Amino acid sequence: MPLVSAAQQGHRGKHGFGVKQYAEFHDVLRPLQHDALPNKNFKEIRAKSATLLWRGRAIVRLGVPGGMSKRNRAEFAKELRKFSQSLARYNADARHGTDTRLGASFSAVHDSFEMLMAMLPRA
């Protein structure tokens, strides 16, 4: 597994990553979102799909973090299901979808991940 650069560590801190699975997912997501997608490099988005999916599924397996109120747990679980569904769509589009569909499903993964990040309890 590659070492994390100082820039990645700084970016992680900016986002308040306290959960390993979220940080590892973001390490793959970030360059795709900020470099590949704006440049319409769908070949790269497809090439990294297996790693992104593997790390995304680790987030799903982790489930709802402890220490959340009952109301927040229900909202988080709902968003986690959306995230899981967006990963499934992205997987299908990375394998057989058009670039347009891939771009849309990748963006849905990104947006759902951002929602989860916003809902994570801060240490």
PDB file of N, CA and C in Angstrom:
ATOM      1  N   MET A   1       0.844  -1.166   0.000  1.00  0.00           N
ATOM      2  CA  MET A   1       0.000   0.000   0.000  1.00  0.00           C
ATOM      3  C   MET A   1       0.895   1.236   0.000  1.00  0.00           C
ATOM      4  N   PRO A   2       0.583   2.263  -0.856  1.00  0.00           N
ATOM      5  CA  PRO A   2       1.465   3.427  -0.940  1.00  0.00           C
ATOM      6  C   PRO A   2       1.430   4.265   0.335  1.00  0.00           C
ATOM      7  N   LEU A   3       2.534   4.941   0.590  1.00  0.00           N
ATOM      8  CA  LEU A   3       2.599   5.840   1.725  1.00  0.00           C
ATOM      9  C   LEU A   3       1.754   7.070   1.430  1.00  0.00           C
ATOM     10  N   VAL A   4       1.261   7.709   2.458  1.00  0.00           N
ATOM     11  CA  VAL A   4       0.447   8.903   2.305  1.00  0.00           C
ATOM     12  C   VAL A   4       1.370  10.110   2.300  1.00  0.00           C
ATOM     13  N   SER A   5       1.219  10.965   1.277  1.00  0.00           N
ATOM     14  CA  SER A   5       2.068  12.147   1.165  1.00  0.00           C
ATOM     15  C   SER A   5       1.671  13.187   2.206  1.00  0.00           C
ATOM     16  N   ALA A   6       2.543  14.161   2.396  1.00  0.00           N
ATOM     17  CA  ALA A   6       2.252  15.256   3.338  1.00  0.00           C
ATOM     18  C   ALA A   6       1.020  16.027   2.873  1.00  0.00           C
ATOM     19  N   ALA A   7       0.864  16.200   1.563  1.00  0.00           N
ATOM     20  CA  ALA A   7      -0.305  16.903   1.035  1.00  0.00           C
ATOM     21  C   ALA A   7      -1.586  16.138   1.346  1.00  0.00           C
ATOM     22  N   GLN A   8      -1.540  14.810   1.200  1.00  0.00           N
ATOM     23  CA  GLN A   8      -2.711  13.993   1.515  1.00  0.00           C
ATOM     24  C   GLN A   8      -3.022  14.073   3.003  1.00  0.00           C
ATOM     25  N   GLN A   9      -1.996  14.050   3.852  1.00  0.00           N
ATOM     26  CA  GLN A   9      -2.211  14.149   5.290  1.00  0.00           C
ATOM     27  C   GLN A   9      -2.876  15.478   5.623  1.00  0.00           C
ATOM     28  N   GLY A  10      -2.410  16.553   4.991  1.00  0.00           N
ATOM     29  CA  GLY A  10      -2.998  17.861   5.220  1.00  0.00           C
ATOM     30  C   GLY A  10      -4.444  17.914   4.752  1.00  0.00           C
ATOM     31  N   HIS A  11      -4.719  17.309   3.619  1.00  0.00           N
ATOM     32  CA  HIS A  11      -6.078  17.276   3.091  1.00  0.00           C
ATOM     33  C   HIS A  11      -6.977  16.438   3.990  1.00  0.00           C
ATOM     34  N   ARG A  12      -6.461  15.343   4.487  1.00  0.00           N
ATOM     35  CA  ARG A  12      -7.224  14.506   5.415  1.00  0.00           C
ATOM     36  C   ARG A  12      -7.610  15.311   6.649  1.00  0.00           C
ATOM     37  N   GLY A  13      -6.640  16.056   7.194  1.00  0.00           N
ATOM     38  CA  GLY A  13      -6.906  16.862   8.372  1.00  0.00           C
ATOM     39  C   GLY A  13      -7.965  17.913   8.105  1.00  0.00           C
ATOM     40  N   LYS A  14      -7.933  18.485   6.923  1.00  0.00           N
ATOM     41  CA  LYS A  14      -8.916  19.497   6.538  1.00  0.00           C
ATOM     42  C   LYS A  14     -10.323  18.921   6.581  1.00  0.00           C
ATOM     43  N   HIS A  15     -10.462  17.682   6.187  1.00  0.00           N
ATOM     44  CA  HIS A  15     -11.766  17.035   6.161  1.00  0.00           C
ATOM     45  C   HIS A  15     -12.121  16.375   7.493  1.00  0.00           C
ATOM     46  N   GLY A  16     -11.205  16.327   8.422  1.00  0.00           N
ATOM     47  CA  GLY A  16     -11.507  15.763   9.729  1.00  0.00           C
ATOM     48  C   GLY A  16     -11.643  14.256   9.735  1.00  0.00           C
ATOM     49  N   PHE A  17     -10.856  13.573   8.914  1.00  0.00           N
ATOM     50  CA  PHE A  17     -10.930  12.119   8.879  1.00  0.00           C
ATOM     51  C   PHE A  17     -10.481  11.557  10.217  1.00  0.00           C
ATOM     52  N   GLY A  18     -11.342  10.761  10.808  1.00  0.00           N
ATOM     53  CA  GLY A  18     -10.986  10.079  12.029  1.00  0.00           C
ATOM     54  C   GLY A  18     -11.222   8.591  11.881  1.00  0.00           C
ATOM     55  N   VAL A  19     -11.722   8.194  10.719  1.00  0.00           N
ATOM     56  CA  VAL A  19     -12.043   6.792  10.463  1.00  0.00           C
ATOM     57  C   VAL A  19     -11.206   6.339   9.267  1.00  0.00           C
ATOM     58  N   LYS A  20     -10.398   5.325   9.508  1.00  0.00           N
ATOM     59  CA  LYS A  20      -9.451   4.833   8.507  1.00  0.00           C
ATOM     60  C   LYS A  20     -10.120   4.539   7.160  1.00  0.00           C
ATOM     61  N   GLN A  21     -11.270   3.857   7.174  1.00  0.00           N
ATOM     62  CA  GLN A  21     -11.927   3.466   5.924  1.00  0.00           C
ATOM     63  C   GLN A  21     -12.327   4.686   5.098  1.00  0.00           C
ATOM     64  N   TYR A  22     -12.750   5.742   5.762  1.00  0.00           N
ATOM     65  CA  TYR A  22     -13.139   6.960   5.050  1.00  0.00           C
ATOM     66  C   TYR A  22     -11.917   7.645   4.448  1.00  0.00           C
ATOM     67  N   ALA A  23     -10.830   7.682   5.200  1.00  0.00           N
ATOM     68  CA  ALA A  23      -9.598   8.295   4.704  1.00  0.00           C
ATOM     69  C   ALA A  23      -9.051   7.528   3.504  1.00  0.00           C
ATOM     70  N   GLU A  24      -9.057   6.204   3.565  1.00  0.00           N
ATOM     71  CA  GLU A  24      -8.535   5.402   2.455  1.00  0.00           C
ATOM     72  C   GLU A  24      -9.407   5.545   1.211  1.00  0.00           C
ATOM     73  N   PHE A  25     -10.725   5.612   1.395  1.00  0.00           N
ATOM     74  CA  PHE A  25     -11.619   5.822   0.260  1.00  0.00           C
ATOM     75  C   PHE A  25     -11.330   7.185  -0.373  1.00  0.00           C
ATOM     76  N   HIS A  26     -11.186   8.191   0.462  1.00  0.00           N
ATOM     77  CA  HIS A  26     -10.947   9.546  -0.030  1.00  0.00           C
ATOM     78  C   HIS A  26      -9.626   9.651  -0.780  1.00  0.00           C
ATOM     79  N   ASP A  27      -8.617   8.889  -0.357  1.00  0.00           N
ATOM     80  CA  ASP A  27      -7.320   8.904  -1.042  1.00  0.00           C
ATOM     81  C   ASP A  27      -7.451   8.497  -2.509  1.00  0.00           C
ATOM     82  N   VAL A  28      -8.395   7.629  -2.824  1.00  0.00           N
ATOM     83  CA  VAL A  28      -8.626   7.208  -4.207  1.00  0.00           C
ATOM     84  C   VAL A  28      -9.592   8.178  -4.894  1.00  0.00           C
ATOM     85  N   LEU A  29     -10.612   8.592  -4.169  1.00  0.00           N
ATOM     86  CA  LEU A  29     -11.653   9.458  -4.733  1.00  0.00           C
ATOM     87  C   LEU A  29     -11.131  10.834  -5.146  1.00  0.00           C
ATOM     88  N   ARG A  30     -10.323  11.436  -4.301  1.00  0.00           N
ATOM     89  CA  ARG A  30      -9.904  12.816  -4.513  1.00  0.00           C
ATOM     90  C   ARG A  30      -9.259  13.070  -5.878  1.00  0.00           C
ATOM     91  N   PRO A  31      -8.225  12.331  -6.278  1.00  0.00           N
ATOM     92  CA  PRO A  31      -7.629  12.635  -7.594  1.00  0.00           C
ATOM     93  C   PRO A  31      -8.589  12.357  -8.757  1.00  0.00           C
ATOM     94  N   LEU A  32      -9.481  11.412  -8.573  1.00  0.00           N
ATOM     95  CA  LEU A  32     -10.462  11.155  -9.633  1.00  0.00           C
ATOM     96  C   LEU A  32     -11.429  12.334  -9.748  1.00  0.00           C
ATOM     97  N   GLN A  33     -11.868  12.852  -8.616  1.00  0.00           N
ATOM     98  CA  GLN A  33     -12.818  13.961  -8.601  1.00  0.00           C
ATOM     99  C   GLN A  33     -12.187  15.262  -9.098  1.00  0.00           C
ATOM    100  N   HIS A  34     -10.960  15.521  -8.677  1.00  0.00           N
ATOM    101  CA  HIS A  34     -10.342  16.813  -8.949  1.00  0.00           C
ATOM    102  C   HIS A  34      -9.443  16.842 -10.171  1.00  0.00           C
ATOM    103  N   ASP A  35      -9.041  15.681 -10.671  1.00  0.00           N
ATOM    104  CA  ASP A  35      -8.177  15.639 -11.852  1.00  0.00           C
ATOM    105  C   ASP A  35      -8.839  14.901 -13.020  1.00  0.00           C
ATOM    106  N   ALA A  36      -9.217  13.658 -12.788  1.00  0.00           N
ATOM    107  CA  ALA A  36      -9.742  12.837 -13.890  1.00  0.00           C
ATOM    108  C   ALA A  36     -11.094  13.341 -14.400  1.00  0.00           C
ATOM    109  N   LEU A  37     -12.036  13.588 -13.509  1.00  0.00           N
ATOM    110  CA  LEU A  37     -13.376  13.998 -13.944  1.00  0.00           C
ATOM    111  C   LEU A  37     -13.371  15.333 -14.692  1.00  0.00           C
ATOM    112  N   PRO A  38     -12.735  16.389 -14.173  1.00  0.00           N
ATOM    113  CA  PRO A  38     -12.732  17.657 -14.925  1.00  0.00           C
ATOM    114  C   PRO A  38     -12.073  17.537 -16.299  1.00  0.00           C
ATOM    115  N   ASN A  39     -11.115  16.623 -16.417  1.00  0.00           N
ATOM    116  CA  ASN A  39     -10.424  16.417 -17.695  1.00  0.00           C
ATOM    117  C   ASN A  39     -11.087  15.346 -18.553  1.00  0.00           C
ATOM    118  N   LYS A  40     -12.245  14.874 -18.091  1.00  0.00           N
ATOM    119  CA  LYS A  40     -13.004  13.832 -18.804  1.00  0.00           C
ATOM    120  C   LYS A  40     -12.145  12.595 -19.088  1.00  0.00           C
ATOM    121  N   ASN A  41     -11.308  12.251 -18.109  1.00  0.00           N
ATOM    122  CA  ASN A  41     -10.437  11.086 -18.219  1.00  0.00           C
ATOM    123  C   ASN A  41     -11.184   9.869 -17.665  1.00  0.00           C
ATOM    124  N   PHE A  42     -12.149   9.399 -18.453  1.00  0.00           N
ATOM    125  CA  PHE A  42     -12.978   8.283 -18.015  1.00  0.00           C
ATOM    126  C   PHE A  42     -12.199   6.971 -17.992  1.00  0.00           C
ATOM    127  N   LYS A  43     -11.136   6.900 -18.767  1.00  0.00           N
ATOM    128  CA  LYS A  43     -10.273   5.714 -18.728  1.00  0.00           C
ATOM    129  C   LYS A  43      -9.695   5.546 -17.321  1.00  0.00           C
ATOM    130  N   GLU A  44      -9.252   6.635 -16.702  1.00  0.00           N
ATOM    131  CA  GLU A  44      -8.699   6.592 -15.349  1.00  0.00           C
ATOM    132  C   GLU A  44      -9.787   6.272 -14.321  1.00  0.00           C
ATOM    133  N   ILE A  45     -10.963   6.851 -14.502  1.00  0.00           N
ATOM    134  CA  ILE A  45     -12.069   6.588 -13.572  1.00  0.00           C
ATOM    135  C   ILE A  45     -12.460   5.115 -13.628  1.00  0.00           C
ATOM    136  N   ARG A  46     -12.422   4.527 -14.821  1.00  0.00           N
ATOM    137  CA  ARG A  46     -12.691   3.087 -14.951  1.00  0.00           C
ATOM    138  C   ARG A  46     -11.555   2.259 -14.347  1.00  0.00           C
ATOM    139  N   ALA A  47     -10.324   2.677 -14.601  1.00  0.00           N
ATOM    140  CA  ALA A  47      -9.160   1.911 -14.143  1.00  0.00           C
ATOM    141  C   ALA A  47      -9.088   1.839 -12.618  1.00  0.00           C
ATOM    142  N   LYS A  48      -9.546   2.857 -11.934  1.00  0.00           N
ATOM    143  CA  LYS A  48      -9.495   2.892 -10.467  1.00  0.00           C
ATOM    144  C   LYS A  48     -10.779   2.364  -9.820  1.00  0.00           C
ATOM    145  N   SER A  49     -11.710   1.888 -10.636  1.00  0.00           N
ATOM    146  CA  SER A  49     -13.015   1.483 -10.096  1.00  0.00           C
ATOM    147  C   SER A  49     -12.910   0.332  -9.094  1.00  0.00           C
ATOM    148  N   ALA A  50     -12.079  -0.658  -9.359  1.00  0.00           N
ATOM    149  CA  ALA A  50     -11.984  -1.801  -8.438  1.00  0.00           C
ATOM    150  C   ALA A  50     -11.492  -1.355  -7.060  1.00  0.00           C
ATOM    151  N   THR A  51     -10.488  -0.490  -7.030  1.00  0.00           N
ATOM    152  CA  THR A  51      -9.961   0.001  -5.757  1.00  0.00           C
ATOM    153  C   THR A  51     -10.989   0.867  -5.042  1.00  0.00           C
ATOM    154  N   LEU A  52     -11.640   1.755  -5.786  1.00  0.00           N
ATOM    155  CA  LEU A  52     -12.646   2.625  -5.171  1.00  0.00           C
ATOM    156  C   LEU A  52     -13.811   1.802  -4.631  1.00  0.00           C
ATOM    157  N   LEU A  53     -14.242   0.816  -5.379  1.00  0.00           N
ATOM    158  CA  LEU A  53     -15.341  -0.044  -4.925  1.00  0.00           C
ATOM    159  C   LEU A  53     -14.950  -0.846  -3.693  1.00  0.00           C
ATOM    160  N   TRP A  54     -13.759  -1.391  -3.683  1.00  0.00           N
ATOM    161  CA  TRP A  54     -13.281  -2.171  -2.538  1.00  0.00           C
ATOM    162  C   TRP A  54     -13.259  -1.310  -1.281  1.00  0.00           C
ATOM    163  N   ARG A  55     -12.736  -0.110  -1.411  1.00  0.00           N
ATOM    164  CA  ARG A  55     -12.667   0.784  -0.255  1.00  0.00           C
ATOM    165  C   ARG A  55     -14.045   1.317   0.126  1.00  0.00           C
ATOM    166  N   GLY A  56     -14.915   1.514  -0.856  1.00  0.00           N
ATOM    167  CA  GLY A  56     -16.284   1.942  -0.556  1.00  0.00           C
ATOM    168  C   GLY A  56     -17.064   0.863   0.172  1.00  0.00           C
ATOM    169  N   ARG A  57     -16.870  -0.367  -0.229  1.00  0.00           N
ATOM    170  CA  ARG A  57     -17.560  -1.478   0.443  1.00  0.00           C
ATOM    171  C   ARG A  57     -17.072  -1.641   1.882  1.00  0.00           C
ATOM    172  N   ALA A  58     -15.821  -1.265   2.143  1.00  0.00           N
ATOM    173  CA  ALA A  58     -15.312  -1.298   3.514  1.00  0.00           C
ATOM    174  C   ALA A  58     -16.078  -0.292   4.386  1.00  0.00           C
ATOM    175  N   ILE A  59     -16.444   0.835   3.814  1.00  0.00           N
ATOM    176  CA  ILE A  59     -17.249   1.830   4.535  1.00  0.00           C
ATOM    177  C   ILE A  59     -18.631   1.253   4.833  1.00  0.00           C
ATOM    178  N   VAL A  60     -19.218   0.598   3.848  1.00  0.00           N
ATOM    179  CA  VAL A  60     -20.550   0.006   4.033  1.00  0.00           C
ATOM    180  C   VAL A  60     -20.495  -1.072   5.117  1.00  0.00           C
ATOM    181  N   ARG A  61     -19.464  -1.915   5.077  1.00  0.00           N
ATOM    182  CA  ARG A  61     -19.321  -2.968   6.092  1.00  0.00           C
ATOM    183  C   ARG A  61     -19.141  -2.385   7.489  1.00  0.00           C
ATOM    184  N   LEU A  62     -18.473  -1.257   7.583  1.00  0.00           N
ATOM    185  CA  LEU A  62     -18.252  -0.604   8.864  1.00  0.00           C
ATOM    186  C   LEU A  62     -19.585  -0.207   9.500  1.00  0.00           C
ATOM    187  N   GLY A  63     -20.530   0.208   8.682  1.00  0.00           N
ATOM    188  CA  GLY A  63     -21.861   0.548   9.182  1.00  0.00           C
ATOM    189  C   GLY A  63     -21.927   1.900   9.859  1.00  0.00           C
ATOM    190  N   VAL A  64     -22.921   2.047  10.695  1.00  0.00           N
ATOM    191  CA  VAL A  64     -23.171   3.304  11.399  1.00  0.00           C
ATOM    192  C   VAL A  64     -22.221   3.408  12.584  1.00  0.00           C
ATOM    193  N   PRO A  65     -21.494   4.522  12.682  1.00  0.00           N
ATOM    194  CA  PRO A  65     -20.572   4.682  13.807  1.00  0.00           C
ATOM    195  C   PRO A  65     -21.305   4.725  15.144  1.00  0.00           C
ATOM    196  N   GLY A  66     -20.665   4.213  16.166  1.00  0.00           N
ATOM    197  CA  GLY A  66     -21.241   4.268  17.507  1.00  0.00           C
ATOM    198  C   GLY A  66     -21.259   5.696  18.022  1.00  0.00           C
ATOM    199  N   GLY A  67     -22.039   5.913  19.044  1.00  0.00           N
ATOM    200  CA  GLY A  67     -22.082   7.226  19.669  1.00  0.00           C
ATOM    201  C   GLY A  67     -23.011   8.222  19.007  1.00  0.00           C
ATOM    202  N   MET A  68     -23.784   7.770  18.033  1.00  0.00           N
ATOM    203  CA  MET A  68     -24.738   8.680  17.384  1.00  0.00           C
ATOM    204  C   MET A  68     -26.095   8.549  18.060  1.00  0.00           C
ATOM    205  N   SER A  69     -26.848   9.657  18.063  1.00  0.00           N
ATOM    206  CA  SER A  69     -28.205   9.609  18.612  1.00  0.00           C
ATOM    207  C   SER A  69     -29.064   8.711  17.722  1.00  0.00           C
ATOM    208  N   LYS A  70     -30.180   8.259  18.262  1.00  0.00           N
ATOM    209  CA  LYS A  70     -31.070   7.369  17.517  1.00  0.00           C
ATOM    210  C   LYS A  70     -31.515   8.020  16.211  1.00  0.00           C
ATOM    211  N   ARG A  71     -31.881   9.291  16.273  1.00  0.00           N
ATOM    212  CA  ARG A  71     -32.323  10.022  15.073  1.00  0.00           C
ATOM    213  C   ARG A  71     -31.196  10.097  14.034  1.00  0.00           C
ATOM    214  N   ASN A  72     -30.001  10.461  14.505  1.00  0.00           N
ATOM    215  CA  ASN A  72     -28.859  10.570  13.593  1.00  0.00           C
ATOM    216  C   ASN A  72     -28.449   9.214  13.037  1.00  0.00           C
ATOM    217  N   ARG A  73     -28.589   8.161  13.838  1.00  0.00           N
ATOM    218  CA  ARG A  73     -28.266   6.808  13.364  1.00  0.00           C
ATOM    219  C   ARG A  73     -29.171   6.442  12.188  1.00  0.00           C
ATOM    220  N   ALA A  74     -30.449   6.749  12.281  1.00  0.00           N
ATOM    221  CA  ALA A  74     -31.394   6.419  11.216  1.00  0.00           C
ATOM    222  C   ALA A  74     -31.060   7.196   9.948  1.00  0.00           C
ATOM    223  N   GLU A  75     -30.743   8.478  10.091  1.00  0.00           N
ATOM    224  CA  GLU A  75     -30.374   9.288   8.922  1.00  0.00           C
ATOM    225  C   GLU A  75     -29.079   8.788   8.299  1.00  0.00           C
ATOM    226  N   PHE A  76     -28.114   8.431   9.141  1.00  0.00           N
ATOM    227  CA  PHE A  76     -26.836   7.940   8.638  1.00  0.00           C
ATOM    228  C   PHE A  76     -27.033   6.616   7.906  1.00  0.00           C
ATOM    229  N   ALA A  77     -27.849   5.730   8.485  1.00  0.00           N
ATOM    230  CA  ALA A  77     -28.113   4.431   7.850  1.00  0.00           C
ATOM    231  C   ALA A  77     -28.777   4.624   6.489  1.00  0.00           C
ATOM    232  N   LYS A  78     -29.670   5.576   6.391  1.00  0.00           N
ATOM    233  CA  LYS A  78     -30.333   5.865   5.112  1.00  0.00           C
ATOM    234  C   LYS A  78     -29.313   6.350   4.079  1.00  0.00           C
ATOM    235  N   GLU A  79     -28.434   7.245   4.480  1.00  0.00           N
ATOM    236  CA  GLU A  79     -27.415   7.743   3.558  1.00  0.00           C
ATOM    237  C   GLU A  79     -26.409   6.648   3.205  1.00  0.00           C
ATOM    238  N   LEU A  80     -26.116   5.772   4.151  1.00  0.00           N
ATOM    239  CA  LEU A  80     -25.209   4.658   3.886  1.00  0.00           C
ATOM    240  C   LEU A  80     -25.807   3.718   2.837  1.00  0.00           C
ATOM    241  N   ARG A  81     -27.121   3.501   2.886  1.00  0.00           N
ATOM    242  CA  ARG A  81     -27.793   2.687   1.848  1.00  0.00           C
ATOM    243  C   ARG A  81     -27.694   3.373   0.486  1.00  0.00           C
ATOM    244  N   LYS A  82     -27.883   4.690   0.451  1.00  0.00           N
ATOM    245  CA  LYS A  82     -27.736   5.439  -0.808  1.00  0.00           C
ATOM    246  C   LYS A  82     -26.313   5.294  -1.352  1.00  0.00           C
ATOM    247  N   PHE A  83     -25.346   5.377  -0.442  1.00  0.00           N
ATOM    248  CA  PHE A  83     -23.948   5.238  -0.834  1.00  0.00           C
ATOM    249  C   PHE A  83     -23.702   3.858  -1.447  1.00  0.00           C
ATOM    250  N   SER A  84     -24.224   2.829  -0.799  1.00  0.00           N
ATOM    251  CA  SER A  84     -24.080   1.464  -1.299  1.00  0.00           C
ATOM    252  C   SER A  84     -24.722   1.320  -2.677  1.00  0.00           C
ATOM    253  N   GLN A  85     -25.889   1.893  -2.862  1.00  0.00           N
ATOM    254  CA  GLN A  85     -26.572   1.837  -4.156  1.00  0.00           C
ATOM    255  C   GLN A  85     -25.790   2.607  -5.215  1.00  0.00           C
ATOM    256  N   SER A  86     -25.212   3.747  -4.833  1.00  0.00           N
ATOM    257  CA  SER A  86     -24.432   4.516  -5.802  1.00  0.00           C
ATOM    258  C   SER A  86     -23.168   3.755  -6.204  1.00  0.00           C
ATOM    259  N   LEU A  87     -22.579   3.018  -5.264  1.00  0.00           N
ATOM    260  CA  LEU A  87     -21.419   2.180  -5.606  1.00  0.00           C
ATOM    261  C   LEU A  87     -21.801   1.108  -6.621  1.00  0.00           C
ATOM    262  N   ALA A  88     -22.977   0.500  -6.439  1.00  0.00           N
ATOM    263  CA  ALA A  88     -23.434  -0.550  -7.362  1.00  0.00           C
ATOM    264  C   ALA A  88     -23.643   0.022  -8.770  1.00  0.00           C
ATOM    265  N   ARG A  89     -24.238   1.206  -8.852  1.00  0.00           N
ATOM    266  CA  ARG A  89     -24.440   1.839 -10.171  1.00  0.00           C
ATOM    267  C   ARG A  89     -23.098   2.177 -10.812  1.00  0.00           C
ATOM    268  N   TYR A  90     -22.195   2.718 -10.008  1.00  0.00           N
ATOM    269  CA  TYR A  90     -20.863   3.052 -10.509  1.00  0.00           C
ATOM    270  C   TYR A  90     -20.149   1.798 -11.017  1.00  0.00           C
ATOM    271  N   ASN A  91     -20.250   0.715 -10.287  1.00  0.00           N
ATOM    272  CA  ASN A  91     -19.639  -0.542 -10.701  1.00  0.00           C
ATOM    273  C   ASN A  91     -20.158  -0.976 -12.071  1.00  0.00           C
ATOM    274  N   ALA A  92     -21.466  -0.947 -12.251  1.00  0.00           N
ATOM    275  CA  ALA A  92     -22.064  -1.346 -13.534  1.00  0.00           C
ATOM    276  C   ALA A  92     -21.604  -0.413 -14.652  1.00  0.00           C
ATOM    277  N   ASP A  93     -21.604   0.884 -14.387  1.00  0.00           N
ATOM    278  CA  ASP A  93     -21.213   1.842 -15.424  1.00  0.00           C
ATOM    279  C   ASP A  93     -19.723   1.778 -15.733  1.00  0.00           C
ATOM    280  N   ALA A  94     -18.906   1.487 -14.740  1.00  0.00           N
ATOM    281  CA  ALA A  94     -17.466   1.360 -14.980  1.00  0.00           C
ATOM    282  C   ALA A  94     -17.173   0.165 -15.885  1.00  0.00           C
ATOM    283  N   ARG A  95     -18.013  -0.846 -15.802  1.00  0.00           N
ATOM    284  CA  ARG A  95     -17.818  -2.040 -16.617  1.00  0.00           C
ATOM    285  C   ARG A  95     -18.419  -1.906 -18.020  1.00  0.00           C
ATOM    286  N   HIS A  96     -19.647  -1.356 -18.089  1.00  0.00           N
ATOM    287  CA  HIS A  96     -20.367  -1.405 -19.364  1.00  0.00           C
ATOM    288  C   HIS A  96     -21.052  -0.108 -19.772  1.00  0.00           C
ATOM    289  N   GLY A  97     -20.979   0.929 -18.957  1.00  0.00           N
ATOM    290  CA  GLY A  97     -21.717   2.157 -19.245  1.00  0.00           C
ATOM    291  C   GLY A  97     -20.975   3.095 -20.174  1.00  0.00           C
ATOM    292  N   THR A  98     -21.716   4.033 -20.707  1.00  0.00           N
ATOM    293  CA  THR A  98     -21.107   5.083 -21.519  1.00  0.00           C
ATOM    294  C   THR A  98     -20.337   6.025 -20.597  1.00  0.00           C
ATOM    295  N   ASP A  99     -19.510   6.858 -21.189  1.00  0.00           N
ATOM    296  CA  ASP A  99     -18.768   7.827 -20.392  1.00  0.00           C
ATOM    297  C   ASP A  99     -19.720   8.782 -19.671  1.00  0.00           C
ATOM    298  N   THR A 100     -20.803   9.146 -20.315  1.00  0.00           N
ATOM    299  CA  THR A 100     -21.790  10.037 -19.698  1.00  0.00           C
ATOM    300  C   THR A 100     -22.400   9.396 -18.459  1.00  0.00           C
ATOM    301  N   ARG A 101     -22.800   8.142 -18.585  1.00  0.00           N
ATOM    302  CA  ARG A 101     -23.369   7.429 -17.436  1.00  0.00           C
ATOM    303  C   ARG A 101     -22.327   7.236 -16.339  1.00  0.00           C
ATOM    304  N   LEU A 102     -21.101   6.922 -16.732  1.00  0.00           N
ATOM    305  CA  LEU A 102     -20.025   6.751 -15.757  1.00  0.00           C
ATOM    306  C   LEU A 102     -19.788   8.049 -14.992  1.00  0.00           C
ATOM    307  N   GLY A 103     -19.761   9.147 -15.693  1.00  0.00           N
ATOM    308  CA  GLY A 103     -19.568  10.440 -15.032  1.00  0.00           C
ATOM    309  C   GLY A 103     -20.665  10.723 -14.018  1.00  0.00           C
ATOM    310  N   ALA A 104     -21.899  10.412 -14.395  1.00  0.00           N
ATOM    311  CA  ALA A 104     -23.028  10.647 -13.491  1.00  0.00           C
ATOM    312  C   ALA A 104     -22.970   9.722 -12.275  1.00  0.00           C
ATOM    313  N   SER A 105     -22.676   8.452 -12.490  1.00  0.00           N
ATOM    314  CA  SER A 105     -22.653   7.522 -11.352  1.00  0.00           C
ATOM    315  C   SER A 105     -21.448   7.781 -10.455  1.00  0.00           C
ATOM    316  N   PHE A 106     -20.324   8.168 -11.022  1.00  0.00           N
ATOM    317  CA  PHE A 106     -19.161   8.522 -10.214  1.00  0.00           C
ATOM    318  C   PHE A 106     -19.473   9.753  -9.358  1.00  0.00           C
ATOM    319  N   SER A 107     -20.124  10.737  -9.954  1.00  0.00           N
ATOM    320  CA  SER A 107     -20.498  11.946  -9.211  1.00  0.00           C
ATOM    321  C   SER A 107     -21.466  11.622  -8.080  1.00  0.00           C
ATOM    322  N   ALA A 108     -22.359  10.668  -8.310  1.00  0.00           N
ATOM    323  CA  ALA A 108     -23.296  10.258  -7.263  1.00  0.00           C
ATOM    324  C   ALA A 108     -22.541   9.612  -6.096  1.00  0.00           C
ATOM    325  N   VAL A 109     -21.515   8.820  -6.389  1.00  0.00           N
ATOM    326  CA  VAL A 109     -20.686   8.222  -5.334  1.00  0.00           C
ATOM    327  C   VAL A 109     -20.009   9.339  -4.538  1.00  0.00           C
ATOM    328  N   HIS A 110     -19.424  10.276  -5.248  1.00  0.00           N
ATOM    329  CA  HIS A 110     -18.748  11.393  -4.585  1.00  0.00           C
ATOM    330  C   HIS A 110     -19.715  12.167  -3.689  1.00  0.00           C
ATOM    331  N   ASP A 111     -20.871  12.512  -4.219  1.00  0.00           N
ATOM    332  CA  ASP A 111     -21.834  13.317  -3.458  1.00  0.00           C
ATOM    333  C   ASP A 111     -22.339  12.571  -2.225  1.00  0.00           C
ATOM    334  N   SER A 112     -22.600  11.286  -2.375  1.00  0.00           N
ATOM    335  CA  SER A 112     -23.073  10.493  -1.246  1.00  0.00           C
ATOM    336  C   SER A 112     -21.979  10.369  -0.185  1.00  0.00           C
ATOM    337  N   PHE A 113     -20.748  10.190  -0.613  1.00  0.00           N
ATOM    338  CA  PHE A 113     -19.627  10.128   0.324  1.00  0.00           C
ATOM    339  C   PHE A 113     -19.505  11.436   1.099  1.00  0.00           C
ATOM    340  N   GLU A 114     -19.640  12.551   0.411  1.00  0.00           N
ATOM    341  CA  GLU A 114     -19.567  13.851   1.076  1.00  0.00           C
ATOM    342  C   GLU A 114     -20.673  13.991   2.127  1.00  0.00           C
ATOM    343  N   MET A 115     -21.867  13.474   1.830  1.00  0.00           N
ATOM    344  CA  MET A 115     -22.962  13.513   2.798  1.00  0.00           C
ATOM    345  C   MET A 115     -22.602  12.695   4.036  1.00  0.00           C
ATOM    346  N   LEU A 116     -22.057  11.502   3.812  1.00  0.00           N
ATOM    347  CA  LEU A 116     -21.636  10.676   4.948  1.00  0.00           C
ATOM    348  C   LEU A 116     -20.577  11.398   5.784  1.00  0.00           C
ATOM    349  N   MET A 117     -19.623  12.009   5.112  1.00  0.00           N
ATOM    350  CA  MET A 117     -18.559  12.723   5.818  1.00  0.00           C
ATOM    351  C   MET A 117     -19.133  13.838   6.689  1.00  0.00           C
ATOM    352  N   ALA A 118     -20.121  14.545   6.168  1.00  0.00           N
ATOM    353  CA  ALA A 118     -20.736  15.637   6.916  1.00  0.00           C
ATOM    354  C   ALA A 118     -21.493  15.124   8.147  1.00  0.00           C
ATOM    355  N   MET A 119     -21.947  13.888   8.076  1.00  0.00           N
ATOM    356  CA  MET A 119     -22.743  13.317   9.166  1.00  0.00           C
ATOM    357  C   MET A 119     -21.899  12.582  10.208  1.00  0.00           C
ATOM    358  N   LEU A 120     -20.639  12.301   9.890  1.00  0.00           N
ATOM    359  CA  LEU A 120     -19.777  11.583  10.833  1.00  0.00           C
ATOM    360  C   LEU A 120     -19.598  12.389  12.111  1.00  0.00           C
ATOM    361  N   PRO A 121     -19.662  11.732  13.253  1.00  0.00           N
ATOM    362  CA  PRO A 121     -19.385  12.447  14.503  1.00  0.00           C
ATOM    363  C   PRO A 121     -17.922  12.893  14.539  1.00  0.00           C
ATOM    364  N   ARG A 122     -17.706  14.073  15.010  1.00  0.00           N
ATOM    365  CA  ARG A 122     -16.335  14.614  15.108  1.00  0.00           C
ATOM    366  C   ARG A 122     -15.781  14.302  16.485  1.00  0.00           C
ATOM    367  N   ALA A 123     -14.490  13.967  16.485  1.00  0.00           N
ATOM    368  CA  ALA A 123     -13.822  13.621  17.749  1.00  0.00           C
ATOM    369  C   ALA A 123     -13.543  14.838  18.579  1.00  0.00           C
TER     370      ALA A 123
END
